[in-house]
Protein backbone atom coordinates (compact mmCIF):
# COMPACT_ATOMS: atom_id res chain seq x y z
CA MET A 1 0.16 13.44 -6.99
CA SER A 2 3.33 12.76 -5.07
CA LEU A 3 5.52 15.51 -3.63
CA ARG A 4 8.39 14.36 -5.82
CA LEU A 5 6.33 14.81 -8.99
CA GLN A 6 4.99 18.16 -7.85
CA LEU A 7 8.50 19.48 -7.25
CA TYR A 8 9.70 18.13 -10.59
CA LEU A 9 6.80 19.82 -12.38
CA LEU A 10 7.36 23.08 -10.51
CA ILE A 11 11.06 23.23 -11.34
CA ALA A 12 10.39 22.17 -14.95
CA CYS A 13 7.81 24.95 -15.35
CA LEU A 14 10.14 27.53 -13.81
CA CYS A 15 12.99 26.43 -16.06
CA LEU A 16 10.82 26.49 -19.16
CA PHE A 17 9.52 29.94 -18.29
CA SER A 18 12.98 31.31 -17.46
CA PHE A 19 14.70 29.91 -20.52
CA GLY A 20 11.77 30.77 -22.79
CA ALA A 21 11.79 34.37 -21.55
CA ALA A 22 15.58 34.52 -21.97
CA LEU A 23 15.28 33.23 -25.54
CA TYR A 24 12.58 35.76 -26.40
CA ASN A 25 14.56 38.63 -24.93
CA ASN A 26 17.66 37.51 -26.79
CA VAL A 27 15.89 37.45 -30.15
CA SER A 28 14.13 40.75 -29.39
CA ASN A 29 17.45 42.40 -28.59
CA MET A 30 18.85 41.09 -31.84
CA ARG A 31 15.84 42.52 -33.70
CA ASP A 32 16.44 45.96 -32.16
CA TYR A 33 20.09 45.75 -33.11
CA LEU A 34 19.22 44.88 -36.72
CA ASN A 35 16.76 47.79 -36.89
CA GLU A 36 19.58 50.09 -35.85
CA GLN A 37 21.84 48.51 -38.43
CA LEU A 38 19.25 49.03 -41.13
CA ALA A 39 18.91 52.66 -40.11
CA SER A 40 22.68 53.17 -40.18
CA HIS A 41 22.92 51.44 -43.55
CA ALA A 42 20.15 53.61 -45.06
CA GLN A 43 21.66 56.81 -43.65
CA GLY A 44 25.08 56.01 -45.05
CA ALA A 45 23.58 55.19 -48.45
CA ALA A 46 21.58 58.45 -48.48
CA HIS A 47 24.67 60.57 -47.73
CA SER A 48 26.85 58.74 -50.23
CA LEU A 49 24.30 58.79 -53.02
CA GLY A 50 23.41 62.41 -52.32
CA LEU A 51 27.01 63.48 -52.70
CA SER A 52 27.34 61.43 -55.89
CA ILE A 53 24.37 62.97 -57.67
CA SER A 54 24.75 66.54 -56.42
CA PRO A 55 26.76 67.66 -59.57
CA TYR A 56 23.87 66.52 -61.78
CA MET A 57 20.99 68.58 -60.45
CA ASP A 58 20.31 70.44 -63.64
CA GLU A 59 17.54 69.26 -65.90
CA GLU A 60 19.87 67.38 -68.25
CA GLY A 61 21.93 65.86 -65.43
CA LEU A 62 18.93 64.32 -63.64
CA VAL A 63 19.09 61.46 -66.11
CA ILE A 64 22.65 60.73 -64.99
CA ALA A 65 21.60 61.03 -61.29
CA GLU A 66 18.73 58.63 -61.84
CA THR A 67 21.08 56.22 -63.62
CA MET A 68 23.46 56.31 -60.68
CA THR A 69 20.56 55.71 -58.30
CA ASN A 70 19.42 52.70 -60.33
CA ALA A 71 22.89 51.22 -60.12
CA ILE A 72 22.88 51.42 -56.33
CA PHE A 73 19.23 50.29 -55.99
CA ASP A 74 19.76 47.22 -58.16
CA SER A 75 22.10 45.77 -55.53
CA GLY A 76 18.94 44.62 -53.69
CA TYR A 77 19.77 46.04 -50.29
CA TYR A 78 17.20 48.86 -50.45
CA GLN A 79 13.45 48.93 -50.10
CA HIS A 80 12.96 52.21 -51.95
CA ILE A 81 14.85 55.37 -52.91
CA THR A 82 13.02 58.62 -53.60
CA PHE A 83 14.31 62.04 -54.70
CA THR A 84 12.02 65.04 -54.34
CA ASP A 85 12.55 68.75 -54.94
CA LEU A 86 11.92 71.50 -52.42
CA ASP A 87 8.26 71.62 -53.41
CA GLY A 88 7.81 67.94 -52.64
CA LYS A 89 7.60 66.92 -56.29
CA VAL A 90 9.06 63.44 -56.92
CA LEU A 91 11.79 63.76 -59.52
CA PHE A 92 12.58 60.02 -59.61
CA LYS A 93 11.70 57.03 -57.45
CA ARG A 94 12.61 53.35 -57.21
CA ASP A 95 10.63 50.76 -55.16
CA ASN A 96 11.37 47.14 -54.33
CA PRO A 97 8.10 45.31 -53.57
CA ASN A 98 8.03 43.07 -50.50
CA GLY A 99 8.85 39.55 -51.49
CA ASN A 100 8.89 36.11 -49.82
CA PHE A 101 11.56 36.03 -47.13
CA ALA A 102 11.56 32.18 -46.98
CA LEU A 103 10.83 32.37 -43.24
CA PRO A 104 7.84 31.16 -41.17
CA GLN A 105 5.15 33.77 -41.11
CA TRP A 106 4.69 33.42 -37.34
CA PHE A 107 8.33 34.38 -36.84
CA ILE A 108 7.90 37.50 -38.99
CA ASP A 109 4.72 38.41 -37.06
CA TRP A 110 6.46 38.01 -33.67
CA PHE A 111 9.73 39.71 -34.58
CA THR A 112 8.84 42.26 -37.25
CA LEU A 113 11.65 44.47 -38.50
CA HIS A 114 10.88 48.14 -39.15
CA PRO A 115 13.64 49.65 -41.29
CA PRO A 116 13.49 53.46 -40.88
CA VAL A 117 13.50 55.90 -43.81
CA MET A 118 16.64 58.02 -43.71
CA THR A 119 16.95 61.30 -45.62
CA SER A 120 19.76 63.46 -46.94
CA GLU A 121 19.66 66.91 -48.54
CA VAL A 122 21.19 67.17 -51.99
CA SER A 123 22.75 70.58 -52.86
CA ASP A 124 23.43 72.16 -56.18
CA GLY A 125 26.33 74.41 -55.36
CA TRP A 126 25.05 76.83 -52.70
CA ARG A 127 21.46 75.92 -53.43
CA ILE A 128 19.54 72.92 -51.99
CA ALA A 129 18.22 71.01 -54.94
CA GLY A 130 16.11 68.42 -53.16
CA THR A 131 15.84 65.65 -50.58
CA LEU A 132 16.93 62.04 -51.03
CA ALA A 133 15.05 59.42 -48.94
CA VAL A 134 16.50 55.90 -48.58
CA GLN A 135 15.03 52.82 -46.79
CA SER A 136 17.03 49.60 -46.47
CA HIS A 137 15.53 46.23 -47.40
CA ALA A 138 14.89 43.84 -44.41
CA GLY A 139 15.34 40.56 -46.27
CA THR A 140 18.96 39.92 -45.28
CA SER A 141 18.26 41.13 -41.72
CA TYR A 142 15.36 38.67 -41.34
CA LYS A 143 17.67 35.85 -42.43
CA SER A 144 20.26 36.94 -39.88
CA LEU A 145 17.61 37.24 -37.20
CA TRP A 146 16.28 33.71 -37.99
CA ASP A 147 19.76 32.18 -37.88
CA HIS A 148 20.42 33.91 -34.57
CA ALA A 149 17.11 32.65 -33.16
CA ILE A 150 17.93 29.03 -34.18
CA SER A 151 21.38 29.18 -32.59
CA SER A 152 19.97 30.79 -29.44
CA LEU A 153 17.23 28.16 -29.24
CA THR A 154 19.78 25.37 -29.50
CA ALA A 155 21.98 26.86 -26.80
CA THR A 156 18.96 27.54 -24.58
CA LEU A 157 17.66 23.98 -24.91
CA LEU A 158 21.06 22.58 -23.99
CA GLN A 159 21.16 24.84 -20.95
CA LEU A 160 17.58 23.84 -20.09
CA PHE A 161 18.33 20.12 -20.24
CA ALA A 162 21.50 20.59 -18.20
CA ALA A 163 19.59 22.61 -15.59
CA LEU A 164 16.77 20.05 -15.43
CA PHE A 165 19.25 17.20 -15.06
CA CYS A 166 21.05 18.99 -12.24
CA ALA A 167 17.73 19.77 -10.59
CA TYR A 168 16.74 16.10 -10.91
CA LEU A 169 19.94 14.95 -9.22
CA ILE A 170 19.56 17.48 -6.42
CA LEU A 171 15.89 16.66 -5.82
CA LYS A 172 16.62 12.95 -5.91
CA ALA A 173 19.27 13.35 -3.24
CA VAL A 174 17.01 15.56 -1.15
CA LEU A 175 13.83 13.48 -1.52
CA ASN A 176 15.41 10.05 -1.27
CA PRO A 177 15.12 10.08 2.55
CA LEU A 178 11.41 10.81 2.19
CA ARG A 179 10.97 7.56 0.26
CA HIS A 180 12.66 5.66 3.07
CA ILE A 181 10.43 7.42 5.60
CA GLU A 182 7.35 6.44 3.56
CA LYS A 183 8.45 2.79 3.47
CA GLN A 184 9.12 2.93 7.20
CA ALA A 185 5.58 4.22 7.83
CA GLU A 186 4.10 1.45 5.65
CA SER A 187 6.14 -1.11 7.59
CA VAL A 188 4.75 0.20 10.87
CA ILE A 189 1.22 -0.22 9.50
CA GLN A 190 2.11 -3.85 8.73
CA LYS A 191 3.54 -4.24 12.27
CA ARG A 192 7.12 -4.41 11.03
CA PHE A 193 9.25 -1.99 13.01
CA THR A 194 12.39 -1.05 11.08
CA LEU A 195 14.73 1.86 11.69
CA ASN A 196 16.16 4.11 8.97
CA SER A 197 19.95 4.12 8.84
CA ILE A 198 20.14 7.01 6.34
CA ASN A 199 21.63 10.34 7.39
CA PRO A 200 20.27 13.11 5.10
CA PHE A 201 22.47 16.12 4.47
CA THR A 202 19.37 18.33 4.76
CA SER A 203 19.03 19.32 8.40
CA GLU A 204 15.23 19.37 8.37
CA LEU A 205 15.03 15.89 6.85
CA ARG A 206 17.64 14.62 9.31
CA THR A 207 15.40 15.84 12.12
CA VAL A 208 12.38 14.09 10.58
CA VAL A 209 14.29 10.80 10.17
CA ASN A 210 15.48 10.87 13.77
CA ALA A 211 11.97 11.68 14.99
CA MET A 212 10.51 8.82 12.95
CA ASN A 213 13.07 6.38 14.34
CA ARG A 214 12.25 7.42 17.90
CA MET A 215 8.54 7.15 17.19
CA VAL A 216 8.96 3.65 15.70
CA GLU A 217 10.94 2.56 18.75
CA ASN A 218 8.20 3.85 21.04
CA VAL A 219 5.47 2.20 18.96
CA GLN A 220 7.39 -1.09 18.95
CA ARG A 221 7.86 -0.91 22.70
CA SER A 222 4.16 -0.20 23.23
CA PHE A 223 3.17 -2.94 20.77
CA ASN A 224 5.37 -5.48 22.52
CA GLU A 225 3.93 -4.52 25.87
CA GLN A 226 0.38 -4.81 24.55
CA THR A 227 1.21 -8.15 22.94
CA LYS A 228 2.62 -9.52 26.17
CA LEU A 229 -0.42 -8.23 28.05
CA ALA A 230 -2.78 -9.79 25.50
CA GLU A 231 -0.92 -13.09 25.70
CA ALA A 232 -1.09 -12.99 29.50
CA LEU A 233 -4.81 -12.28 29.38
CA SER A 234 -5.28 -15.05 26.83
CA GLN A 235 -3.41 -17.42 29.13
CA GLU A 236 -5.70 -16.47 31.99
CA VAL A 237 -8.88 -16.70 29.93
CA TYR A 238 -8.26 -19.70 27.68
CA ILE A 239 -5.43 -21.73 29.30
CA ASP A 240 -5.66 -24.00 32.33
CA PRO A 241 -2.84 -22.88 34.67
CA HIS A 242 -2.14 -26.35 36.08
CA THR A 243 -1.82 -28.45 32.92
CA GLY A 244 -1.18 -25.72 30.34
CA LEU A 245 -4.03 -27.11 28.23
CA PRO A 246 -6.85 -25.00 26.77
CA ASN A 247 -9.76 -24.66 29.18
CA ARG A 248 -13.54 -24.83 28.85
CA ARG A 249 -13.83 -21.37 27.28
CA ALA A 250 -11.41 -22.38 24.55
CA LEU A 251 -13.38 -25.59 24.01
CA LEU A 252 -16.65 -23.70 23.57
CA LYS A 253 -15.04 -21.25 21.16
CA ARG A 254 -13.51 -24.03 19.07
CA PHE A 255 -16.75 -26.05 19.17
CA GLU A 256 -18.72 -23.10 17.76
CA SER A 257 -16.07 -22.52 15.10
CA ILE A 258 -16.14 -26.11 13.84
CA GLN A 259 -19.94 -26.21 14.09
CA ALA A 260 -20.09 -23.10 11.87
CA GLU A 261 -17.96 -24.95 9.29
CA TYR A 262 -20.08 -28.09 9.41
CA ASP A 263 -20.80 -27.88 5.67
CA VAL A 264 -17.07 -28.25 5.06
CA HIS A 265 -16.33 -31.00 7.58
CA GLY A 266 -19.55 -32.97 7.24
CA ASN A 267 -20.32 -35.63 9.85
CA ARG A 268 -16.67 -36.14 10.84
CA PHE A 269 -16.97 -33.86 13.85
CA TYR A 270 -16.38 -35.84 17.07
CA LEU A 271 -16.29 -34.74 20.71
CA GLY A 272 -14.72 -36.89 23.42
CA LEU A 273 -14.88 -36.72 27.21
CA VAL A 274 -12.38 -38.25 29.67
CA SER A 275 -13.02 -38.36 33.41
CA MET A 276 -10.24 -38.99 35.93
CA THR A 277 -12.47 -41.10 38.17
CA SER A 278 -10.01 -41.65 41.02
CA LEU A 279 -9.09 -38.03 41.66
CA LYS A 280 -11.16 -37.63 44.84
CA HIS A 281 -9.83 -40.90 46.27
CA ILE A 282 -6.20 -39.93 45.63
CA ASN A 283 -6.75 -36.46 47.08
CA ASP A 284 -8.28 -37.99 50.24
CA ILE A 285 -5.71 -40.77 50.69
CA GLU A 286 -2.45 -39.37 49.25
CA GLY A 287 -3.02 -35.63 49.34
CA TYR A 288 -3.66 -32.90 46.84
CA GLY A 289 -0.09 -32.93 45.55
CA SER A 290 -0.51 -36.53 44.39
CA GLY A 291 -3.87 -35.55 42.91
CA ASP A 292 -2.17 -32.83 40.87
CA ASP A 293 0.44 -35.31 39.67
CA TYR A 294 -2.36 -37.70 38.75
CA ILE A 295 -4.04 -35.01 36.63
CA LEU A 296 -0.73 -34.08 34.97
CA ALA A 297 -0.05 -37.73 34.16
CA GLY A 298 -3.49 -38.01 32.56
CA ALA A 299 -2.97 -34.77 30.61
CA GLN A 300 0.36 -36.01 29.24
CA LEU A 301 -1.01 -39.45 28.40
CA PHE A 302 -4.08 -38.23 26.54
CA SER A 303 -2.14 -35.45 24.79
CA GLN A 304 0.07 -38.13 23.28
CA GLN A 305 -3.02 -39.91 22.01
CA MET A 306 -4.35 -36.67 20.49
CA SER A 307 -1.14 -36.17 18.53
CA ASN A 308 -2.15 -39.04 16.26
CA LEU A 309 -5.54 -37.51 15.41
CA GLN A 310 -6.39 -35.02 12.70
CA ASP A 311 -6.84 -31.48 14.00
CA ALA A 312 -7.32 -32.77 17.56
CA THR A 313 -6.88 -30.71 20.73
CA LEU A 314 -7.13 -31.77 24.35
CA TYR A 315 -8.93 -29.46 26.78
CA ARG A 316 -9.25 -29.49 30.57
CA ILE A 317 -12.83 -28.47 31.28
CA SER A 318 -13.02 -29.14 35.03
CA GLY A 319 -10.97 -30.49 37.92
CA SER A 320 -11.13 -34.13 36.84
CA GLU A 321 -12.43 -33.96 33.28
CA PHE A 322 -10.77 -33.54 29.91
CA ALA A 323 -12.37 -33.14 26.50
CA PHE A 324 -11.06 -33.37 22.98
CA LEU A 325 -12.30 -32.32 19.53
CA SER A 326 -11.26 -34.01 16.32
CA LEU A 327 -12.31 -34.62 12.72
CA LEU A 328 -12.68 -38.40 12.39
CA THR A 329 -14.29 -40.92 10.13
CA GLU A 330 -16.50 -43.57 11.70
CA ASP A 331 -13.79 -46.22 11.43
CA ALA A 332 -11.19 -43.87 12.86
CA ALA A 333 -13.51 -43.05 15.77
CA LYS A 334 -13.85 -46.75 16.59
CA THR A 335 -10.10 -47.18 16.42
CA ILE A 336 -9.30 -44.24 18.70
CA ASP A 337 -11.99 -45.41 21.11
CA GLN A 338 -10.27 -48.76 21.39
CA GLN A 339 -6.83 -47.15 21.72
CA ILE A 340 -7.93 -44.87 24.56
CA ALA A 341 -9.64 -47.80 26.30
CA SER A 342 -6.46 -49.85 25.93
CA VAL A 343 -4.26 -47.05 27.33
CA ILE A 344 -6.60 -46.55 30.28
CA HIS A 345 -6.59 -50.28 30.95
CA ILE A 346 -2.76 -50.33 30.92
CA GLU A 347 -2.53 -47.43 33.35
CA SER A 348 -5.12 -48.90 35.74
CA SER A 349 -3.82 -50.45 38.97
CA ASP A 350 -4.83 -51.10 42.56
CA ARG A 351 -3.87 -47.54 43.37
CA PHE A 352 -6.82 -46.27 41.37
CA VAL A 353 -9.86 -47.65 43.17
CA HIS A 354 -12.32 -46.32 40.62
CA GLY A 355 -10.05 -46.94 37.65
CA PHE A 356 -7.45 -44.69 36.09
CA ALA A 357 -10.07 -42.92 33.91
CA LYS A 358 -13.27 -43.40 31.95
CA HIS A 359 -13.96 -42.00 28.52
CA SER A 360 -16.79 -41.47 26.07
CA LEU A 361 -16.81 -40.37 22.43
CA THR A 362 -19.64 -39.26 20.17
CA ARG A 363 -20.26 -37.70 16.81
CA VAL A 364 -21.74 -34.21 16.83
CA ASN A 365 -24.80 -33.70 14.67
CA HIS A 366 -25.50 -30.60 12.61
CA GLU A 367 -26.72 -27.67 14.75
CA GLU A 368 -26.53 -29.79 17.90
CA GLN A 369 -25.92 -27.72 21.01
CA PHE A 370 -22.80 -28.18 23.11
CA ALA A 371 -24.83 -28.85 26.24
CA GLU A 372 -26.73 -31.66 24.54
CA VAL A 373 -23.52 -33.35 23.39
CA VAL A 374 -21.89 -33.09 26.83
CA LYS A 375 -25.05 -34.42 28.48
CA ARG A 376 -24.96 -37.48 26.21
CA LEU A 377 -21.28 -38.05 27.02
CA ASP A 378 -21.87 -37.61 30.76
CA HIS A 379 -24.56 -40.26 30.71
CA GLN A 380 -22.25 -42.61 28.87
CA LEU A 381 -19.51 -41.99 31.46
CA VAL A 382 -21.91 -42.79 34.32
CA HIS A 383 -22.97 -45.92 32.54
CA ASN A 384 -19.36 -46.99 31.89
CA GLN A 385 -18.34 -46.32 35.47
CA TYR A 386 -20.98 -48.44 37.12
CA ALA A 387 -21.30 -51.04 34.38
CA HIS A 388 -17.51 -51.52 34.18
CA ASN A 389 -17.68 -50.88 30.44
CA ASP A 390 -14.48 -49.80 28.68
CA THR A 391 -16.14 -48.84 25.40
CA GLY A 392 -16.79 -45.12 25.21
CA LEU A 393 -18.20 -44.68 21.71
CA VAL A 394 -21.82 -43.59 21.67
CA THR A 395 -23.78 -42.58 18.59
CA PRO A 396 -26.06 -39.55 18.57
CA THR A 397 -29.08 -41.84 18.11
CA THR A 398 -28.28 -44.01 21.13
CA PRO A 399 -30.85 -43.32 23.87
CA SER A 400 -29.19 -41.62 26.77
CA LEU A 401 -29.62 -42.77 30.33
CA ALA A 402 -31.92 -39.90 31.17
CA HIS A 403 -34.16 -40.68 28.21
CA SER A 404 -34.41 -44.35 29.18
CA TYR A 405 -36.26 -43.25 32.26
CA SER A 406 -38.74 -41.10 30.38
CA ASP A 407 -41.68 -43.04 31.74
CA ASP A 408 -41.79 -40.53 34.54
CA ALA A 409 -39.63 -37.45 34.49
CA HIS A 410 -39.92 -37.05 38.26
CA TYR A 411 -37.99 -40.20 39.17
CA SER A 412 -34.63 -39.78 40.92
CA VAL A 413 -31.96 -42.16 39.57
CA VAL A 414 -29.49 -43.81 41.97
CA PRO A 415 -26.93 -46.48 41.03
CA ALA A 416 -27.74 -49.84 42.52
CA MET A 417 -24.24 -50.29 43.93
CA LEU A 418 -24.95 -47.40 46.33
CA LEU A 419 -27.99 -49.18 47.84
CA SER A 420 -26.60 -52.64 48.47
CA ARG A 421 -23.31 -54.42 48.88
CA ASN A 422 -24.31 -56.91 46.22
CA PRO A 423 -26.84 -55.15 44.02
CA GLY A 424 -25.71 -56.47 40.67
CA VAL A 425 -25.74 -54.12 37.74
CA GLY A 426 -28.44 -51.54 37.32
CA PHE A 427 -30.07 -48.49 38.76
CA TYR A 428 -32.99 -47.63 41.00
CA ALA A 429 -35.41 -44.84 40.28
CA PHE A 430 -37.37 -43.23 43.12
CA LYS A 431 -40.51 -41.11 43.09
CA GLN A 432 -42.55 -40.19 46.16
CA GLY A 433 -41.55 -43.32 48.06
CA GLN A 434 -41.86 -45.62 45.04
CA LYS A 435 -38.85 -47.59 43.77
CA LYS A 436 -38.22 -49.52 40.63
CA HIS A 437 -35.15 -51.29 39.21
CA LEU A 438 -33.75 -50.19 35.89
CA ASP A 439 -31.40 -52.19 33.72
CA PRO A 440 -28.47 -50.26 32.29
């Protein structure tokens, strides 16, 4: 239950209790006043009637006295009138039975009127002839009390509604800043740092608003600092500082992510490898500054090629090697293979002794490890470099260079061009002094 609702309920209960108690006290006071009025009315009637019948206290005159009493009693304002002698003998008596007052019974039970019995002594000359007892009837008083209760209830309800409306306006003005503070706290949870511009007239709430604004500013400052620190750490961990491309860690993370979604992508998951084959030569001949420019030129060139691929990203995984991941169809893979080969061929010149770059591209099978894929691409790059082959596309089922020498796992493989000035194309495998020629 919100604080606003609790305060509304509290004030409503207090108002209902206060105005209900005021209404009850008002009606009760009116009841006491009517009881006094009934007593005064009965006393006046007893004195007046006693004086009127006092000349008729002899035995023959009692008939006249009783007749006079009947005339007064028949007016309906009296409950009963009794005349007794000094011995307590009732000489005449008139009673008015209680009738239906046309009022709710619960009202009569709560606010019961008790008209008192008033007496007056009746004298016969110097002698007291008897006692006259008179009790007023409460019917008219109940009607007056009911009408007063209705009017008081109406006035009390109007006052209650006016008080509740005023309390609502006051509480709304007081609690409105709390709603803004609540929204401000929710915004902070959602990492949206907004300041409250309200200025409550309640001093305590003004202090809370100012404290919240200072806290939000401090949290925003800390959050910005942590964000900058996280971005700096991410740059150090996942970004190559020289080219600004994602590094090997980022490649492994992305590779695992796409591999985990293999059911969605199917067999369109391709990994490519590009080797800047002339980096060592340029570093040795022209210096490391030219080597850095050479790497940057390759990064820019291959990044442009990646922009045409679906969900493709270029990574720098070592000093002279780049890799890229993309979702390709088989036809698209063949096309991009040809495009990369064409771009490399255009960039090649006499400056690059070992060619501008070599590339290889392969489709990644389901649950295939990253090391296995890179090993297959490395073998293709070695093959392309020494066989002067521009095609880099290799299928997962194509036997790799290492597997082609599986006749004896202990052979050492050396390119033929390293053993002779005119060796042709091929490789030599050595094992314990033995040598054999291998075709690529």
